[in-house]
PDB file of N, CA and C in Angstrom:
ATOM      1  N   MET A   1       0.930  -1.196  -0.043  1.00  0.00           N
ATOM      2  CA  MET A   1       0.007  -0.057   0.098  1.00  0.00           C
ATOM      3  C   MET A   1       0.888   1.234  -0.042  1.00  0.00           C
ATOM      4  N   PRO A   2       0.651   2.216  -0.986  1.00  0.00           N
ATOM      5  CA  PRO A   2       1.519   3.396  -0.970  1.00  0.00           C
ATOM      6  C   PRO A   2       1.310   4.385   0.161  1.00  0.00           C
ATOM      7  N   PRO A   3       2.253   4.990   0.572  1.00  0.00           N
ATOM      8  CA  PRO A   3       2.112   5.817   1.862  1.00  0.00           C
ATOM      9  C   PRO A   3       1.008   7.022   1.289  1.00  0.00           C
ATOM     10  N   LEU A   4       0.216   7.361   2.430  1.00  0.00           N
ATOM     11  CA  LEU A   4      -0.710   8.447   2.197  1.00  0.00           C
ATOM     12  C   LEU A   4      -0.177   9.751   1.927  1.00  0.00           C
ATOM     13  N   SER A   5      -0.778  10.567   1.050  1.00  0.00           N
ATOM     14  CA  SER A   5      -0.287  11.868   0.891  1.00  0.00           C
ATOM     15  C   SER A   5      -0.471  12.705   2.126  1.00  0.00           C
ATOM     16  N   LEU A   6       0.159  13.870   2.176  1.00  0.00           N
ATOM     17  CA  LEU A   6       0.045  14.803   3.145  1.00  0.00           C
ATOM     18  C   LEU A   6      -1.249  15.120   3.392  1.00  0.00           C
ATOM     19  N   GLU A   7      -2.058  15.644   2.275  1.00  0.00           N
ATOM     20  CA  GLU A   7      -3.386  16.077   2.229  1.00  0.00           C
ATOM     21  C   GLU A   7      -4.241  14.972   2.983  1.00  0.00           C
ATOM     22  N   ASP A   8      -4.183  13.657   2.599  1.00  0.00           N
ATOM     23  CA  ASP A   8      -4.973  12.576   3.205  1.00  0.00           C
ATOM     24  C   ASP A   8      -4.582  12.477   4.723  1.00  0.00           C
ATOM     25  N   ARG A   9      -3.298  12.591   5.143  1.00  0.00           N
ATOM     26  CA  ARG A   9      -2.861  12.375   6.517  1.00  0.00           C
ATOM     27  C   ARG A   9      -3.616  13.736   7.337  1.00  0.00           C
ATOM     28  N   VAL A  10      -3.489  14.885   6.711  1.00  0.00           N
ATOM     29  CA  VAL A  10      -4.082  16.009   7.533  1.00  0.00           C
ATOM     30  C   VAL A  10      -5.595  15.859   7.620  1.00  0.00           C
ATOM     31  N   ALA A  11      -6.265  15.369   6.495  1.00  0.00           N
ATOM     32  CA  ALA A  11      -7.690  15.233   6.694  1.00  0.00           C
ATOM     33  C   ALA A  11      -8.046  14.234   7.813  1.00  0.00           C
ATOM     34  N   ALA A  12      -7.355  13.218   7.821  1.00  0.00           N
ATOM     35  CA  ALA A  12      -7.490  12.038   8.706  1.00  0.00           C
ATOM     36  C   ALA A  12      -7.204  12.616  10.116  1.00  0.00           C
ATOM     37  N   LEU A  13      -6.338  13.476  10.219  1.00  0.00           N
ATOM     38  CA  LEU A  13      -6.046  14.096  11.493  1.00  0.00           C
ATOM     39  C   LEU A  13      -7.122  15.078  11.972  1.00  0.00           C
ATOM     40  N   GLU A  14      -7.589  15.824  11.112  1.00  0.00           N
ATOM     41  CA  GLU A  14      -8.656  16.611  11.350  1.00  0.00           C
ATOM     42  C   GLU A  14      -9.985  16.086  11.753  1.00  0.00           C
ATOM     43  N   GLN A  15     -10.254  14.980  11.085  1.00  0.00           N
ATOM     44  CA  GLN A  15     -11.369  14.229  11.434  1.00  0.00           C
ATOM     45  C   GLN A  15     -11.242  13.607  12.945  1.00  0.00           C
ATOM     46  N   GLU A  16     -10.034  13.184  13.199  1.00  0.00           N
ATOM     47  CA  GLU A  16      -9.912  12.649  14.630  1.00  0.00           C
ATOM     48  C   GLU A  16     -10.028  13.707  15.614  1.00  0.00           C
ATOM     49  N   VAL A  17      -9.445  14.791  15.377  1.00  0.00           N
ATOM     50  CA  VAL A  17      -9.475  15.977  16.320  1.00  0.00           C
ATOM     51  C   VAL A  17     -10.984  16.411  16.497  1.00  0.00           C
ATOM     52  N   GLN A  18     -11.856  16.473  15.437  1.00  0.00           N
ATOM     53  CA  GLN A  18     -13.049  16.723  15.552  1.00  0.00           C
ATOM     54  C   GLN A  18     -13.760  15.760  16.458  1.00  0.00           C
ATOM     55  N   GLN A  19     -13.543  14.496  16.263  1.00  0.00           N
ATOM     56  CA  GLN A  19     -14.289  13.467  17.005  1.00  0.00           C
ATOM     57  C   GLN A  19     -13.872  13.651  18.609  1.00  0.00           C
ATOM     58  N   LEU A  20     -12.513  13.900  18.803  1.00  0.00           N
ATOM     59  CA  LEU A  20     -12.224  14.051  20.255  1.00  0.00           C
ATOM     60  C   LEU A  20     -12.737  15.227  20.994  1.00  0.00           C
ATOM     61  N   LYS A  21     -12.819  16.358  20.147  1.00  0.00           N
ATOM     62  CA  LYS A  21     -13.417  17.474  20.677  1.00  0.00           C
ATOM     63  C   LYS A  21     -14.899  17.205  21.026  1.00  0.00           C
ATOM     64  N   ALA A  22     -15.602  16.575  20.112  1.00  0.00           N
ATOM     65  CA  ALA A  22     -16.998  16.205  20.375  1.00  0.00           C
ATOM     66  C   ALA A  22     -17.134  15.399  21.579  1.00  0.00           C
ATOM     67  N   GLU A  23     -16.296  14.400  21.716  1.00  0.00           N
ATOM     68  CA  GLU A  23     -16.303  13.561  22.959  1.00  0.00           C
ATOM     69  C   GLU A  23     -16.078  14.431  24.322  1.00  0.00           C
ATOM     70  N   LYS A  24     -15.073  15.177  24.134  1.00  0.00           N
ATOM     71  CA  LYS A  24     -14.664  15.958  25.338  1.00  0.00           C
ATOM     72  C   LYS A  24     -15.882  16.887  25.700  1.00  0.00           C
ATOM     73  N   ASN A  25     -16.587  17.274  24.912  1.00  0.00           N
ATOM     74  CA  ASN A  25     -17.727  18.282  25.236  1.00  0.00           C
ATOM     75  C   ASN A  25     -18.884  17.462  25.752  1.00  0.00           C
ATOM     76  N   GLY A  26     -18.848  16.134  25.810  1.00  0.00           N
ATOM     77  CA  GLY A  26     -19.909  15.500  26.413  1.00  0.00           C
ATOM     78  C   GLY A  26     -20.823  14.947  25.228  1.00  0.00           C
ATOM     79  N   ALA A  27     -20.815  15.231  24.014  1.00  0.00           N
ATOM     80  CA  ALA A  27     -21.460  14.692  23.078  1.00  0.00           C
ATOM     81  C   ALA A  27     -20.829  13.345  22.547  1.00  0.00           C
ATOM     82  N   PRO A  28     -21.775  12.359  22.394  1.00  0.00           N
ATOM     83  CA  PRO A  28     -21.088  11.052  22.114  1.00  0.00           C
ATOM     84  C   PRO A  28     -20.564  11.293  20.411  1.00  0.00           C
ATOM     85  N   ALA A  29     -19.593  10.600  20.170  1.00  0.00           N
ATOM     86  CA  ALA A  29     -19.133  10.714  18.703  1.00  0.00           C
ATOM     87  C   ALA A  29     -20.134  10.066  17.883  1.00  0.00           C
ATOM     88  N   LYS A  30     -20.321  10.407  16.752  1.00  0.00           N
ATOM     89  CA  LYS A  30     -21.165   9.803  15.739  1.00  0.00           C
ATOM     90  C   LYS A  30     -20.950   8.455  15.455  1.00  0.00           C
ATOM     91  N   ASP A  31     -22.046   7.753  15.554  1.00  0.00           N
ATOM     92  CA  ASP A  31     -21.969   6.189  15.451  1.00  0.00           C
ATOM     93  C   ASP A  31     -21.002   5.643  16.646  1.00  0.00           C
ATOM     94  N   ALA A  32     -21.043   6.153  17.824  1.00  0.00           N
ATOM     95  CA  ALA A  32     -20.348   5.620  18.932  1.00  0.00           C
ATOM     96  C   ALA A  32     -20.863   4.359  19.405  1.00  0.00           C
ATOM     97  N   TRP A  33     -22.190   4.205  19.210  1.00  0.00           N
ATOM     98  CA  TRP A  33     -22.810   2.973  19.746  1.00  0.00           C
ATOM     99  C   TRP A  33     -22.379   1.728  19.057  1.00  0.00           C
ATOM    100  N   LYS A  34     -21.816   2.034  17.803  1.00  0.00           N
ATOM    101  CA  LYS A  34     -21.355   0.798  16.971  1.00  0.00           C
ATOM    102  C   LYS A  34     -20.141   0.140  17.520  1.00  0.00           C
ATOM    103  N   LYS A  35     -19.369   0.933  18.494  1.00  0.00           N
ATOM    104  CA  LYS A  35     -18.233   0.369  19.146  1.00  0.00           C
ATOM    105  C   LYS A  35     -18.617  -0.742  20.138  1.00  0.00           C
ATOM    106  N   THR A  36     -19.763  -0.736  20.649  1.00  0.00           N
ATOM    107  CA  THR A  36     -20.105  -1.627  21.690  1.00  0.00           C
ATOM    108  C   THR A  36     -20.566  -2.910  21.263  1.00  0.00           C
ATOM    109  N   ILE A  37     -20.905  -2.988  19.836  1.00  0.00           N
ATOM    110  CA  ILE A  37     -21.327  -4.230  19.291  1.00  0.00           C
ATOM    111  C   ILE A  37     -20.326  -5.307  19.473  1.00  0.00           C
ATOM    112  N   GLY A  38     -20.917  -6.412  20.104  1.00  0.00           N
ATOM    113  CA  GLY A  38     -20.046  -7.593  20.240  1.00  0.00           C
ATOM    114  C   GLY A  38     -18.983  -7.606  21.324  1.00  0.00           C
ATOM    115  N   ILE A  39     -19.058  -6.563  22.325  1.00  0.00           N
ATOM    116  CA  ILE A  39     -17.904  -6.533  23.328  1.00  0.00           C
ATOM    117  C   ILE A  39     -18.194  -7.573  24.374  1.00  0.00           C
ATOM    118  N   PHE A  40     -19.518  -8.223  24.379  1.00  0.00           N
ATOM    119  CA  PHE A  40     -19.676  -9.181  25.468  1.00  0.00           C
ATOM    120  C   PHE A  40     -19.935 -10.632  24.819  1.00  0.00           C
ATOM    121  N   THR A  41     -19.626 -10.514  23.627  1.00  0.00           N
ATOM    122  CA  THR A  41     -19.809 -12.005  22.815  1.00  0.00           C
ATOM    123  C   THR A  41     -18.906 -13.081  23.548  1.00  0.00           C
ATOM    124  N   ASP A  42     -19.415 -14.208  23.836  1.00  0.00           N
ATOM    125  CA  ASP A  42     -18.633 -15.368  24.374  1.00  0.00           C
ATOM    126  C   ASP A  42     -18.080 -14.965  25.689  1.00  0.00           C
ATOM    127  N   ASP A  43     -18.383 -13.920  26.390  1.00  0.00           N
ATOM    128  CA  ASP A  43     -17.917 -13.706  27.710  1.00  0.00           C
ATOM    129  C   ASP A  43     -18.834 -14.580  28.693  1.00  0.00           C
ATOM    130  N   PRO A  44     -18.289 -15.644  29.232  1.00  0.00           N
ATOM    131  CA  PRO A  44     -19.019 -16.501  30.175  1.00  0.00           C
ATOM    132  C   PRO A  44     -19.638 -15.785  31.330  1.00  0.00           C
ATOM    133  N   GLY A  45     -18.940 -14.751  31.763  1.00  0.00           N
ATOM    134  CA  GLY A  45     -19.630 -14.129  32.895  1.00  0.00           C
ATOM    135  C   GLY A  45     -20.787 -13.311  32.526  1.00  0.00           C
ATOM    136  N   MET A  46     -20.787 -12.718  31.301  1.00  0.00           N
ATOM    137  CA  MET A  46     -21.935 -11.872  30.924  1.00  0.00           C
ATOM    138  C   MET A  46     -23.010 -12.857  30.369  1.00  0.00           C
ATOM    139  N   LEU A  47     -22.675 -13.768  29.852  1.00  0.00           N
ATOM    140  CA  LEU A  47     -23.762 -14.835  29.308  1.00  0.00           C
ATOM    141  C   LEU A  47     -24.505 -15.295  30.679  1.00  0.00           C
ATOM    142  N   GLU A  48     -23.786 -15.522  31.670  1.00  0.00           N
ATOM    143  CA  GLU A  48     -24.468 -15.977  32.887  1.00  0.00           C
ATOM    144  C   GLU A  48     -25.540 -14.789  33.408  1.00  0.00           C
ATOM    145  N   ILE A  49     -24.914 -13.606  33.342  1.00  0.00           N
ATOM    146  CA  ILE A  49     -25.731 -12.400  33.795  1.00  0.00           C
ATOM    147  C   ILE A  49     -27.048 -12.312  33.036  1.00  0.00           C
ATOM    148  N   PHE A  50     -26.780 -12.493  31.663  1.00  0.00           N
ATOM    149  CA  PHE A  50     -27.861 -12.300  30.778  1.00  0.00           C
ATOM    150  C   PHE A  50     -28.914 -13.345  30.911  1.00  0.00           C
ATOM    151  N   ASP A  51     -28.369 -14.731  31.272  1.00  0.00           N
ATOM    152  CA  ASP A  51     -29.308 -15.809  31.506  1.00  0.00           C
ATOM    153  C   ASP A  51     -30.123 -15.575  32.592  1.00  0.00           C
ATOM    154  N   GLU A  52     -29.483 -15.049  33.750  1.00  0.00           N
ATOM    155  CA  GLU A  52     -30.208 -14.746  35.136  1.00  0.00           C
ATOM    156  C   GLU A  52     -31.170 -13.600  34.833  1.00  0.00           C
ATOM    157  N   ALA A  53     -30.810 -12.676  34.050  1.00  0.00           N
ATOM    158  CA  ALA A  53     -31.711 -11.524  33.721  1.00  0.00           C
ATOM    159  C   ALA A  53     -32.852 -12.107  33.094  1.00  0.00           C
ATOM    160  N   LEU A  54     -32.872 -12.949  32.092  1.00  0.00           N
ATOM    161  CA  LEU A  54     -34.074 -13.424  31.410  1.00  0.00           C
ATOM    162  C   LEU A  54     -34.929 -14.254  32.263  1.00  0.00           C
ATOM    163  N   LYS A  55     -34.316 -15.147  33.107  1.00  0.00           N
ATOM    164  CA  LYS A  55     -35.039 -15.727  34.203  1.00  0.00           C
ATOM    165  C   LYS A  55     -35.829 -14.756  35.170  1.00  0.00           C
ATOM    166  N   ILE A  56     -35.255 -13.712  35.597  1.00  0.00           N
ATOM    167  CA  ILE A  56     -35.930 -12.720  36.398  1.00  0.00           C
ATOM    168  C   ILE A  56     -37.215 -11.999  35.581  1.00  0.00           C
ATOM    169  N   ARG A  57     -36.819 -11.693  34.434  1.00  0.00           N
ATOM    170  CA  ARG A  57     -37.907 -10.995  33.629  1.00  0.00           C
ATOM    171  C   ARG A  57     -38.977 -12.027  33.333  1.00  0.00           C
ATOM    172  N   GLU A  58     -38.805 -13.275  33.046  1.00  0.00           N
ATOM    173  CA  GLU A  58     -39.837 -14.183  32.918  1.00  0.00           C
ATOM    174  C   GLU A  58     -40.706 -14.395  34.222  1.00  0.00           C
ATOM    175  N   ALA A  59     -39.941 -14.451  35.294  1.00  0.00           N
ATOM    176  CA  ALA A  59     -40.781 -14.410  36.653  1.00  0.00           C
ATOM    177  C   ALA A  59     -41.637 -13.339  36.824  1.00  0.00           C
ATOM    178  N   ASP A  60     -41.167 -12.049  36.440  1.00  0.00           N
ATOM    179  CA  ASP A  60     -41.982 -10.781  36.448  1.00  0.00           C
ATOM    180  C   ASP A  60     -43.123 -11.107  35.519  1.00  0.00           C
ATOM    181  N   ARG A  61     -42.974 -11.470  34.412  1.00  0.00           N
ATOM    182  CA  ARG A  61     -44.169 -11.704  33.450  1.00  0.00           C
ATOM    183  C   ARG A  61     -45.281 -12.683  34.074  1.00  0.00           C
ATOM    184  N   ALA A  62     -44.638 -13.742  34.690  1.00  0.00           N
ATOM    185  CA  ALA A  62     -45.598 -14.916  35.049  1.00  0.00           C
ATOM    186  C   ALA A  62     -46.320 -14.077  36.283  1.00  0.00           C
ATOM    187  N   LYS A  63     -45.768 -13.281  37.122  1.00  0.00           N
ATOM    188  CA  LYS A  63     -46.423 -12.589  38.232  1.00  0.00           C
ATOM    189  C   LYS A  63     -47.542 -11.810  37.667  1.00  0.00           C
ATOM    190  N   ALA A  64     -47.181 -11.120  36.637  1.00  0.00           N
ATOM    191  CA  ALA A  64     -48.092 -10.094  36.130  1.00  0.00           C
ATOM    192  C   ALA A  64     -49.288 -10.855  35.498  1.00  0.00           C
ATOM    193  N   ARG A  65     -49.150 -11.800  34.706  1.00  0.00           N
ATOM    194  CA  ARG A  65     -50.215 -12.776  34.230  1.00  0.00           C
ATOM    195  C   ARG A  65     -51.074 -13.215  35.367  1.00  0.00           C
ATOM    196  N   HIS A  66     -50.468 -13.642  36.556  1.00  0.00           N
ATOM    197  CA  HIS A  66     -51.294 -14.131  37.712  1.00  0.00           C
ATOM    198  C   HIS A  66     -52.064 -13.075  38.127  1.00  0.00           C
ATOM    199  N   GLN A  67     -51.557 -11.863  38.399  1.00  0.00           N
ATOM    200  CA  GLN A  67     -52.325 -10.657  38.957  1.00  0.00           C
ATOM    201  C   GLN A  67     -53.291 -10.379  37.911  1.00  0.00           C
ATOM    202  N   PHE A  68     -53.173 -10.243  36.697  1.00  0.00           N
ATOM    203  CA  PHE A  68     -54.155  -9.996  35.845  1.00  0.00           C
ATOM    204  C   PHE A  68     -55.290 -10.937  35.902  1.00  0.00           C
ATOM    205  N   ARG A  69     -55.090 -12.315  35.850  1.00  0.00           N
ATOM    206  CA  ARG A  69     -56.007 -13.344  35.921  1.00  0.00           C
ATOM    207  C   ARG A  69     -56.874 -13.271  37.288  1.00  0.00           C
ATOM    208  N   GLU A  70     -56.198 -12.823  38.399  1.00  0.00           N
ATOM    209  CA  GLU A  70     -56.838 -12.809  39.660  1.00  0.00           C
ATOM    210  C   GLU A  70     -57.780 -11.574  39.600  1.00  0.00           C
ATOM    211  N   ALA A  71     -57.344 -10.366  38.960  1.00  0.00           N
ATOM    212  CA  ALA A  71     -58.225  -9.290  38.985  1.00  0.00           C
ATOM    213  C   ALA A  71     -59.300  -9.378  37.938  1.00  0.00           C
ATOM    214  N   ASP A  72     -59.075 -10.179  36.889  1.00  0.00           N
ATOM    215  CA  ASP A  72     -60.284 -10.651  36.035  1.00  0.00           C
ATOM    216  C   ASP A  72     -61.455 -11.514  36.923  1.00  0.00           C
ATOM    217  N   ARG A  73     -60.839 -12.438  37.646  1.00  0.00           N
ATOM    218  CA  ARG A  73     -61.688 -13.301  38.497  1.00  0.00           C
ATOM    219  C   ARG A  73     -62.547 -12.350  39.447  1.00  0.00           C
ATOM    220  N   ALA A  74     -61.782 -11.463  40.206  1.00  0.00           N
ATOM    221  CA  ALA A  74     -62.443 -10.722  41.069  1.00  0.00           C
ATOM    222  C   ALA A  74     -63.652  -9.849  40.299  1.00  0.00           C
ATOM    223  N   LYS A  75     -63.195  -9.260  39.133  1.00  0.00           N
ATOM    224  CA  LYS A  75     -64.130  -8.510  38.475  1.00  0.00           C
ATOM    225  C   LYS A  75     -65.395  -9.299  38.097  1.00  0.00           C
ATOM    226  N   ALA A  76     -65.258 -10.546  37.717  1.00  0.00           N
ATOM    227  CA  ALA A  76     -66.305 -11.431  37.455  1.00  0.00           C
ATOM    228  C   ALA A  76     -67.114 -11.788  38.578  1.00  0.00           C
ATOM    229  N   ARG A  77     -66.507 -11.927  39.785  1.00  0.00           N
ATOM    230  CA  ARG A  77     -67.332 -12.209  40.988  1.00  0.00           C
ATOM    231  C   ARG A  77     -68.239 -11.079  41.301  1.00  0.00           C
ATOM    232  N   ARG A  78     -67.597  -9.705  41.182  1.00  0.00           N
ATOM    233  CA  ARG A  78     -68.411  -8.600  41.533  1.00  0.00           C
ATOM    234  C   ARG A  78     -69.445  -8.437  40.495  1.00  0.00           C
ATOM    235  N   ARG A  79     -69.299  -8.721  39.274  1.00  0.00           N
ATOM    236  CA  ARG A  79     -70.389  -8.474  38.277  1.00  0.00           C
ATOM    237  C   ARG A  79     -71.506  -9.704  38.609  1.00  0.00           C
ATOM    238  N   SER A  80     -71.021 -10.898  38.999  1.00  0.00           N
ATOM    239  CA  SER A  80     -71.993 -11.948  39.374  1.00  0.00           C
ATOM    240  C   SER A  80     -72.829 -11.462  40.567  1.00  0.00           C
ATOM    241  N   ARG A  81     -72.318 -10.956  41.594  1.00  0.00           N
ATOM    242  CA  ARG A  81     -72.977 -10.616  42.636  1.00  0.00           C
ATOM    243  C   ARG A  81     -73.936  -9.377  42.426  1.00  0.00           C
ATOM    244  N   LYS A  82     -73.463  -8.454  41.615  1.00  0.00           N
ATOM    245  CA  LYS A  82     -74.296  -7.367  41.262  1.00  0.00           C
ATOM    246  C   LYS A  82     -75.631  -7.942  40.372  1.00  0.00           C
ATOM    247  N   SER A  83     -75.393  -8.860  39.631  1.00  0.00           N
ATOM    248  CA  SER A  83     -76.391  -9.429  38.761  1.00  0.00           C
ATOM    249  C   SER A  83     -77.426 -10.077  39.722  1.00  0.00           C
ATOM    250  N   LYS A  84     -76.880 -10.914  40.705  1.00  0.00           N
ATOM    251  CA  LYS A  84     -77.769 -11.562  41.555  1.00  0.00           C
ATOM    252  C   LYS A  84     -78.633 -10.714  42.515  1.00  0.00           C
ATOM    253  N   LYS A  85     -77.983  -9.389  42.897  1.00  0.00           N
ATOM    254  CA  LYS A  85     -78.710  -8.572  43.728  1.00  0.00           C
ATOM    255  C   LYS A  85     -79.860  -7.966  42.808  1.00  0.00           C
ATOM    256  N   ALA A  86     -79.575  -7.685  41.507  1.00  0.00           N
ATOM    257  CA  ALA A  86     -80.457  -6.976  40.761  1.00  0.00           C
ATOM    258  C   ALA A  86     -81.661  -7.863  40.379  1.00  0.00           C
ATOM    259  N   LYS A  87     -81.651  -9.106  40.501  1.00  0.00           N
ATOM    260  CA  LYS A  87     -82.573 -10.098  40.127  1.00  0.00           C
ATOM    261  C   LYS A  87     -83.513 -10.258  41.484  1.00  0.00           C
ATOM    262  N   LYS A  88     -83.103 -10.001  42.639  1.00  0.00           N
ATOM    263  CA  LYS A  88     -83.762 -10.079  43.806  1.00  0.00           C
ATOM    264  C   LYS A  88     -84.773  -8.947  43.931  1.00  0.00           C
TER     265      LYS A  88
END
């Protein structure tokens, strides 16, 4: 690969300086999120944490489903009582 021209090298440096200034000012660099893709791939510790998080979330979902079913049953009982009282 032939060496870069002076203009190309200066352009690359200017771009890098601009990116560093943006990061310093608290603004994330453009497309900074792309740097995080794959950083936890095949990390046994993180895979264990992810698996545990999935278990916790599924337990939360099951609890919510149970609460909704109970609320529906209670609502049905109230309706049933009201209809029985109305018939009397």
